Protein backbone atom coordinates (compact mmCIF):
# COMPACT_ATOMS: atom_id res chain seq x y z
CA MET A 1 246.85 117.63 -139.78
CA THR A 2 246.13 118.52 -136.47
CA ASP A 3 244.12 121.55 -137.69
CA VAL A 4 241.93 119.41 -139.73
CA ILE A 5 241.17 117.02 -136.87
CA LEU A 6 240.12 120.12 -134.44
CA ALA A 7 238.08 121.97 -137.33
CA LYS A 8 235.87 118.28 -137.62
CA ALA A 9 235.62 117.93 -134.22
CA LYS A 10 234.26 122.15 -133.72
CA GLN A 11 231.76 121.15 -136.53
CA GLY A 12 230.19 117.73 -133.99
CA ARG A 13 231.46 115.38 -136.19
CA GLU A 14 232.85 111.93 -135.12
CA LEU A 15 236.53 111.18 -135.32
CA SER A 16 238.49 107.84 -135.87
CA ARG A 17 240.35 105.74 -133.47
CA GLY A 18 243.19 106.99 -135.30
CA GLU A 19 242.44 110.67 -135.35
CA LEU A 20 241.85 110.31 -131.23
CA VAL A 21 245.44 109.20 -131.01
CA ALA A 22 246.84 112.34 -133.43
CA LEU A 23 245.42 114.49 -130.48
CA LEU A 24 246.61 112.49 -127.40
CA SER A 25 250.00 112.37 -129.12
CA ILE A 26 250.32 116.47 -129.04
CA THR A 27 253.51 117.53 -127.88
CA ASP A 28 253.99 121.04 -129.71
CA ALA A 29 252.90 123.86 -127.20
CA ALA A 30 250.48 125.53 -130.03
CA GLU A 31 248.72 122.75 -131.04
CA LEU A 32 248.43 121.53 -127.34
CA GLN A 33 246.61 125.18 -126.82
CA ALA A 34 244.79 124.51 -129.98
CA LEU A 35 243.11 121.35 -128.62
CA TYR A 36 242.38 122.63 -125.49
CA ASP A 37 240.59 125.92 -127.02
CA CYS A 38 238.78 123.35 -129.12
CA ALA A 39 237.98 121.26 -125.72
CA TYR A 40 236.99 124.29 -123.86
CA PHE A 41 234.90 125.65 -126.55
CA LEU A 42 232.55 122.72 -126.86
CA LYS A 43 232.29 122.62 -123.15
CA GLU A 44 231.03 126.14 -123.21
CA GLN A 45 228.28 124.89 -125.72
CA TYR A 46 227.40 122.06 -123.68
CA VAL A 47 227.87 122.32 -120.11
CA GLY A 48 228.43 125.59 -119.57
CA LYS A 49 231.33 127.67 -118.15
CA ILE A 50 230.44 126.38 -114.57
CA ALA A 51 232.47 124.13 -111.84
CA TYR A 52 230.14 122.36 -109.85
CA PHE A 53 231.55 121.53 -106.62
CA ARG A 54 230.94 117.74 -105.26
CA GLY A 55 232.14 117.53 -101.15
CA ILE A 56 233.89 114.43 -100.89
CA ILE A 57 234.17 112.60 -97.72
CA GLU A 58 236.45 109.72 -97.43
CA CYS A 59 234.75 108.28 -95.14
CA SER A 60 236.99 104.66 -94.43
CA ASN A 61 240.48 103.46 -95.75
CA LEU A 62 239.74 99.56 -94.81
CA CYS A 63 239.65 97.93 -98.66
CA ILE A 64 239.25 94.26 -99.22
CA LYS A 65 240.58 94.80 -102.69
CA ASP A 66 244.48 94.47 -103.43
CA CYS A 67 245.61 97.27 -106.33
CA TYR A 68 248.75 97.23 -107.09
CA TYR A 69 248.71 100.87 -107.04
CA CYS A 70 246.68 102.42 -104.35
CA GLY A 71 247.88 103.40 -101.00
CA ILE A 72 245.13 102.17 -99.09
CA ARG A 73 245.44 98.10 -100.76
CA LYS A 74 244.79 95.84 -97.99
CA SER A 75 248.20 94.50 -98.24
CA ASN A 76 249.92 97.44 -97.22
CA THR A 77 250.68 97.29 -93.20
CA ASN A 78 251.88 101.25 -93.10
CA VAL A 79 248.62 102.57 -93.22
CA GLU A 80 246.75 103.13 -90.17
CA ARG A 81 243.25 102.16 -90.89
CA PHE A 82 240.44 104.24 -89.85
CA GLN A 83 236.13 104.01 -90.48
CA MET A 84 234.39 106.66 -89.45
CA ASP A 85 231.00 106.08 -87.57
CA GLU A 86 227.68 106.89 -89.12
CA ASP A 87 227.43 110.93 -87.67
CA GLU A 88 230.65 111.73 -88.86
CA ILE A 89 229.58 110.82 -92.29
CA PHE A 90 226.63 112.50 -91.47
CA LYS A 91 228.20 115.66 -90.53
CA GLU A 92 230.90 115.97 -92.68
CA ALA A 93 227.26 115.96 -95.72
CA VAL A 94 225.34 118.03 -93.49
CA TRP A 95 228.79 120.49 -93.50
CA ALA A 96 228.68 120.14 -97.44
CA TYR A 97 225.42 121.43 -97.63
CA GLU A 98 225.18 124.04 -95.43
CA ALA A 99 228.50 125.35 -97.60
CA GLU A 100 226.16 125.18 -100.67
CA TYR A 101 228.41 122.88 -102.02
CA GLY A 102 225.02 121.11 -104.20
CA SER A 103 225.87 117.51 -104.14
CA CYS A 104 228.94 115.02 -101.52
CA VAL A 105 230.63 112.14 -102.84
CA ILE A 106 230.71 109.25 -100.02
CA GLN A 107 234.34 107.29 -100.85
CA SER A 108 236.06 104.91 -99.45
CA GLY A 109 238.20 101.38 -99.55
CA GLU A 110 235.87 98.92 -100.74
CA ARG A 111 233.91 96.66 -98.43
CA ARG A 112 230.65 94.32 -99.17
CA ASP A 113 229.80 92.75 -95.42
CA GLU A 114 226.37 93.35 -94.60
CA GLU A 115 227.30 95.52 -91.52
CA TYR A 116 229.12 98.01 -93.70
CA ILE A 117 226.26 97.93 -96.83
CA ALA A 118 223.17 98.75 -94.19
CA MET A 119 225.27 101.32 -92.82
CA ILE A 120 225.68 103.23 -96.04
CA GLU A 121 222.18 102.57 -96.91
CA ARG A 122 221.11 104.39 -93.41
CA VAL A 123 223.96 107.49 -93.47
CA VAL A 124 222.50 107.88 -97.09
CA GLY A 125 218.72 107.84 -95.86
CA ARG A 126 219.48 110.43 -93.15
CA ILE A 127 221.19 112.96 -95.20
CA LYS A 128 218.65 113.02 -98.14
CA GLU A 129 216.16 113.33 -95.12
CA ALA A 130 217.94 116.14 -92.96
CA THR A 131 218.71 118.28 -96.41
CA LYS A 132 215.06 117.20 -97.55
CA GLY A 133 216.48 116.08 -100.75
CA ARG A 134 218.39 119.05 -101.77
CA LEU A 135 222.11 117.22 -101.27
CA GLY A 136 222.64 115.60 -104.11
CA ILE A 137 224.85 112.28 -103.46
CA THR A 138 227.36 110.87 -105.28
CA LEU A 139 228.99 107.29 -103.73
CA SER A 140 231.79 105.52 -104.90
CA LEU A 141 232.14 102.53 -103.03
CA GLY A 142 233.59 99.89 -105.38
CA GLU A 143 231.66 96.33 -106.83
CA GLN A 144 229.17 95.28 -105.19
CA THR A 145 226.00 93.17 -106.29
CA GLU A 146 223.37 94.98 -107.98
CA GLU A 147 220.83 94.65 -104.86
CA THR A 148 223.51 96.78 -102.96
CA TYR A 149 223.10 99.41 -105.67
CA ARG A 150 219.69 99.10 -105.54
CA ARG A 151 219.37 99.34 -101.67
CA TRP A 152 221.58 102.99 -101.88
CA ARG A 153 219.68 104.16 -105.18
CA ALA A 154 216.47 103.49 -103.09
CA VAL A 155 217.42 105.60 -99.93
CA GLY A 156 218.18 108.72 -102.07
CA ALA A 157 222.04 107.70 -103.65
CA HIS A 158 221.43 109.31 -107.08
CA ARG A 159 224.95 109.02 -109.04
CA TYR A 160 227.94 106.39 -108.80
CA LEU A 161 231.35 106.54 -109.54
CA LEU A 162 233.24 103.04 -110.46
CA ARG A 163 236.74 103.97 -112.21
CA ILE A 164 237.44 101.22 -114.60
CA GLU A 165 241.37 102.14 -114.44
CA THR A 166 242.12 100.58 -118.13
CA THR A 167 240.30 98.63 -120.99
CA ASN A 168 243.17 96.77 -122.06
CA PRO A 169 242.89 93.30 -120.52
CA GLU A 170 246.29 92.51 -119.99
CA LEU A 171 247.63 96.00 -118.92
CA TYR A 172 243.83 95.58 -116.21
CA ALA A 173 245.97 92.23 -115.46
CA LYS A 174 249.52 93.66 -114.72
CA ILE A 175 248.21 96.36 -112.20
CA HIS A 176 245.45 93.94 -110.19
CA PRO A 177 245.46 90.86 -108.67
CA LYS A 178 244.45 87.66 -110.00
CA ASP A 179 241.46 87.62 -108.20
CA HIS A 180 240.74 90.95 -109.77
CA SER A 181 238.40 90.64 -112.76
CA LEU A 182 237.72 93.32 -115.50
CA GLU A 183 234.96 91.92 -116.68
CA GLU A 184 233.30 91.97 -113.41
CA ARG A 185 234.24 95.38 -113.01
CA LYS A 186 232.09 96.27 -116.68
CA GLU A 187 229.28 94.34 -115.21
CA CYS A 188 228.91 96.23 -112.51
CA LEU A 189 228.71 99.31 -114.68
CA ALA A 190 226.01 97.70 -116.31
CA SER A 191 224.12 96.58 -112.83
CA LEU A 192 224.78 100.58 -112.55
CA ARG A 193 222.59 101.25 -115.29
CA ARG A 194 219.84 99.06 -114.77
CA THR A 195 219.66 100.26 -110.95
CA GLY A 196 219.10 104.34 -112.81
CA TYR A 197 222.31 105.93 -111.42
CA GLN A 198 223.65 108.54 -113.07
CA VAL A 199 227.20 106.48 -114.03
CA GLY A 200 230.75 107.32 -113.74
CA THR A 201 233.95 105.44 -114.49
CA GLY A 202 237.53 106.80 -115.49
CA VAL A 203 241.19 105.72 -116.42
CA MET A 204 244.30 106.23 -115.33
CA MET A 205 246.65 107.68 -117.54
CA GLY A 206 250.62 107.18 -117.93
CA LEU A 207 250.80 104.06 -116.21
CA PRO A 208 253.50 102.08 -117.32
CA GLY A 209 253.44 100.12 -120.68
CA GLN A 210 250.42 102.19 -121.48
CA THR A 211 249.57 103.71 -124.98
CA MET A 212 248.64 106.44 -126.71
CA GLU A 213 246.25 103.88 -128.82
CA ASP A 214 245.28 102.23 -125.06
CA LEU A 215 244.05 105.70 -124.10
CA ALA A 216 241.81 105.93 -127.42
CA ASN A 217 240.15 102.35 -127.16
CA ASP A 218 239.47 103.45 -123.19
CA ILE A 219 237.71 106.88 -124.54
CA LEU A 220 235.54 104.81 -127.28
CA PHE A 221 234.91 102.43 -124.50
CA LEU A 222 233.30 105.56 -122.61
CA LYS A 223 230.79 106.53 -125.42
CA GLU A 224 230.37 102.87 -126.09
CA ILE A 225 228.33 102.11 -122.47
CA ASP A 226 227.77 105.62 -123.02
CA ILE A 227 228.89 106.77 -119.88
CA ASP A 228 227.05 109.68 -117.93
CA MET A 229 230.48 111.28 -116.10
CA VAL A 230 234.10 110.96 -115.89
CA GLY A 231 236.89 111.29 -113.15
CA MET A 232 239.56 109.97 -114.10
CA GLY A 233 243.45 111.40 -113.77
CA PRO A 234 247.31 110.60 -114.30
CA TYR A 235 249.15 107.85 -112.38
CA ILE A 236 251.09 108.98 -109.26
CA PRO A 237 253.08 106.28 -107.62
CA HIS A 238 252.45 105.45 -104.22
CA SER A 239 255.79 104.40 -102.52
CA GLY A 240 254.15 101.89 -100.32
CA THR A 241 252.61 100.19 -103.41
CA PRO A 242 254.22 97.44 -105.36
CA MET A 243 253.72 99.16 -108.30
CA GLY A 244 255.42 102.25 -106.34
CA LYS A 245 258.10 100.54 -104.96
CA GLU A 246 259.58 100.20 -108.94
CA ILE A 247 259.51 103.68 -109.67
CA PRO A 248 261.81 106.62 -108.26
CA PRO A 249 259.51 109.77 -107.19
CA TYR A 250 258.76 111.74 -110.31
CA THR A 251 260.80 114.16 -111.21
CA ASP A 252 259.69 117.72 -112.56
CA GLU A 253 259.69 116.52 -116.00
CA GLN A 254 257.79 113.63 -115.52
CA LYS A 255 255.65 115.72 -113.41
CA ARG A 256 254.45 117.99 -116.47
CA VAL A 257 254.79 115.11 -118.97
CA ALA A 258 252.52 113.38 -116.48
CA LEU A 259 250.04 116.66 -115.95
CA GLN A 260 250.24 117.05 -119.90
CA LEU A 261 248.63 113.68 -120.65
CA GLY A 262 245.37 113.94 -118.12
CA LEU A 263 244.74 117.40 -119.52
CA LYS A 264 244.84 115.89 -123.22
CA MET A 265 242.76 113.01 -122.01
CA ILE A 266 240.19 115.80 -120.39
CA ALA A 267 240.21 117.94 -123.45
CA VAL A 268 239.27 114.70 -126.29
CA THR A 269 236.92 112.84 -123.65
CA ARG A 270 235.28 116.38 -123.94
CA ILE A 271 235.67 116.17 -128.00
CA VAL A 272 234.05 112.59 -128.14
CA LEU A 273 231.83 112.91 -124.93
CA LYS A 274 230.68 116.56 -125.39
CA ASP A 275 227.74 117.06 -123.11
CA ILE A 276 228.87 114.60 -119.99
CA ASN A 277 230.05 116.00 -116.79
CA ILE A 278 234.09 115.63 -116.22
CA ALA A 279 235.82 116.11 -113.12
CA ALA A 280 239.27 117.56 -112.80
CA ALA A 281 241.29 115.28 -110.55
CA THR A 282 242.40 116.50 -106.98
CA ALA A 283 245.52 114.58 -109.01
CA LEU A 284 246.23 116.92 -111.29
CA GLN A 285 247.15 119.77 -108.47
CA ALA A 286 249.85 116.79 -106.77
CA LEU A 287 251.48 117.25 -109.84
CA GLU A 288 251.07 121.10 -110.31
CA TYR A 289 249.40 123.61 -107.97
CA THR A 290 247.41 124.92 -110.39
CA GLY A 291 246.53 121.71 -112.20
CA ARG A 292 242.74 121.22 -111.48
CA GLU A 293 241.87 124.80 -112.94
CA GLN A 294 244.19 123.68 -115.93
CA GLY A 295 241.41 120.67 -116.14
CA LEU A 296 238.78 123.34 -116.37
CA ARG A 297 240.31 125.37 -118.82
CA CYS A 298 240.72 121.87 -120.97
CA GLY A 299 236.73 120.95 -120.84
CA ALA A 300 236.45 119.57 -117.58
CA ASN A 301 233.27 121.24 -115.81
CA VAL A 302 233.17 119.17 -111.98
CA ILE A 303 235.69 119.92 -108.83
CA MET A 304 235.75 117.55 -106.01
CA PRO A 305 236.47 119.48 -102.82
CA ASN A 306 237.54 117.50 -99.11
CA VAL A 307 235.54 117.86 -96.69
CA THR A 308 236.43 115.15 -94.92
CA GLU A 309 237.64 115.88 -91.28
CA THR A 310 241.38 116.54 -91.09
CA GLU A 311 242.57 114.30 -88.77
CA TYR A 312 241.20 111.20 -91.20
CA ARG A 313 242.87 113.13 -94.58
CA PRO A 314 246.84 111.78 -94.00
CA ASN A 315 245.66 108.14 -93.87
CA TYR A 316 243.59 108.63 -97.19
CA THR A 317 246.37 108.81 -99.45
CA LEU A 318 246.26 106.50 -102.92
CA TYR A 319 249.32 108.23 -104.73
CA ASP A 320 252.45 110.14 -102.85
CA ASN A 321 251.74 113.51 -102.35
CA LYS A 322 248.48 113.90 -102.13
CA PRO A 323 247.34 117.97 -101.75
CA CYS A 324 245.17 119.29 -99.32
CA THR A 325 245.83 116.79 -96.28
CA ASP A 326 246.41 119.86 -93.76
CA GLU A 327 243.50 122.25 -95.31
CA ASN A 328 240.67 122.37 -93.21
CA SER A 329 237.02 122.29 -95.22
CA SER A 330 236.36 125.58 -95.13
CA MET A 331 239.60 126.78 -96.28
CA CYS A 332 238.99 124.49 -99.32
CA ARG A 333 235.92 126.09 -100.20
CA GLY A 334 237.43 129.50 -100.13
CA CYS A 335 240.60 128.94 -101.62
CA LEU A 336 239.24 126.90 -104.52
CA SER A 337 236.56 128.87 -105.04
CA GLY A 338 238.49 132.36 -105.36
CA ARG A 339 240.61 130.04 -108.18
CA ILE A 340 237.91 129.01 -109.94
CA GLU A 341 236.65 133.02 -110.34
CA GLY A 342 240.05 133.85 -111.19
CA ILE A 343 239.92 131.66 -114.30
CA GLY A 344 236.53 133.46 -115.16
CA GLU A 345 234.26 130.78 -114.17
CA THR A 346 231.44 130.44 -111.56
CA VAL A 347 230.80 127.92 -109.19
CA GLY A 348 227.46 126.29 -109.23
CA PHE A 349 226.83 126.20 -105.80
CA ASN A 350 223.72 124.65 -104.52
CA GLU A 351 223.14 123.27 -107.83
CA TRP A 352 223.38 119.05 -108.54
CA GLY A 353 224.82 119.89 -111.36
CA ASP A 354 223.69 116.66 -113.20
CA SER A 355 224.92 115.54 -116.51
CA PRO A 356 222.95 117.20 -119.57
CA HIS A 357 223.73 113.87 -121.00
CA PHE A 358 221.90 111.80 -118.18
CA HIS A 359 218.64 113.79 -118.81
CA LYS A 360 219.00 113.49 -122.56
CA ARG A 361 219.77 109.72 -122.53
CA THR A 362 216.91 109.13 -119.79
CA LYS A 363 214.66 111.30 -121.74
CA THR A 364 215.41 109.45 -125.03
CA VAL A 365 214.81 106.64 -122.77
CA SER A 366 210.87 108.00 -121.50
CA ASP A 367 209.52 108.93 -124.65
C-alpha cells in the first residue's frame, strides 16, 4: 500500500487525507526510508540540494502570552528576563550578514506595546540600510495588528513566521489559556498574506492527545492557505511549564519516536507542498545530535543557526535541553556548514533562499 501511495506522490498526483494518515503512520524501517527517499526526490526537483541559513536572533524572552508548553510563558518566574537593545540586535544582524548568511530571523516573546513595535521598526530599517538591502529579514514576533505588520514590512522585513501549533480547536484549547484564540491566529496569517509577506507557519508534533489525523489535517491546512514556508518541530516538554510538569523527561525511546514523527512530518509536508521552504528545526537536534541533517535528508531545505550572544541563550529556552546554548556564532557556522556538506548538500551562502512557491504565487497574481 505504501509503495502505491509513494509512486502516486512521485508522479505529482494529489494524495487524500487517508493516504497522508497512512504515510504518517509508517513505522517499518524500510517503508520509512522509502518515504524519506520520495520526499528527497521531490525536494531535489523543486528546491534543489541547497540548505539556506537563517541566522536567528532571539532578542527578548519577555512575553505577554502564557502558552502551557512554552518555557518563556509569562507565568514562569524561574527564568531571567531580558530584552536586547536596538544596537545589540543590529550588531547580531550585521554579524550574520558578514558571515555570509543570506538572511536573519528576529524572534522574541510576544509584545504589542508601541515602544517595542517602534524599536523593531527602527532596527529593521537600520539593518536594511546597513546591508544595502542584501540581508533578508524574517520576523517571528507573534500576533500583531495588520497595521503593525504593514509598518515592519514597509521598512524591509519580507518574511514572517507565525506557528499555529495545531489546527484542532479542542487540542488548541488544551495547550493554551482561554484568552488565546485559534481564530485570531488564523486571522493574523491572513493579515500577513494581505500585507505582502512570504508567510510561514507550522505545528508541533507529538502533543499529548494529538492523532495522525490531526497532523494530516494540519498539512492540508497549510495547503489550503497556500503557505510559502513551514517551521515546525516535535513537542519537547519544558519542566517549568504546566504541560512539562505532567510529563517526565523523555527516555531514549521516546526521543527516537519524537524524532521519527518530526521527520515523517517534514517528508509528508514536502510531498504535499513541493516547492515551499521547510526548516529543519533545532528541536530535532535536541532529540539526536544529527537531527537537523536528518531533517534535510527528509525534505527540509532551511537551517536556522543561532547568532544570539551566548549570555542570553540559556534564558531563551522554549523546551528543555535546547542545543547550542553555549556555542558562539562562529562555532555554529563552522559546525553546521561541515555537517551539511557531509551529507552531500551545499550551503546557500549570501542568498535569500526565497520560497519558489512564493515567487510562483505572486507571479500568478501579477499576471
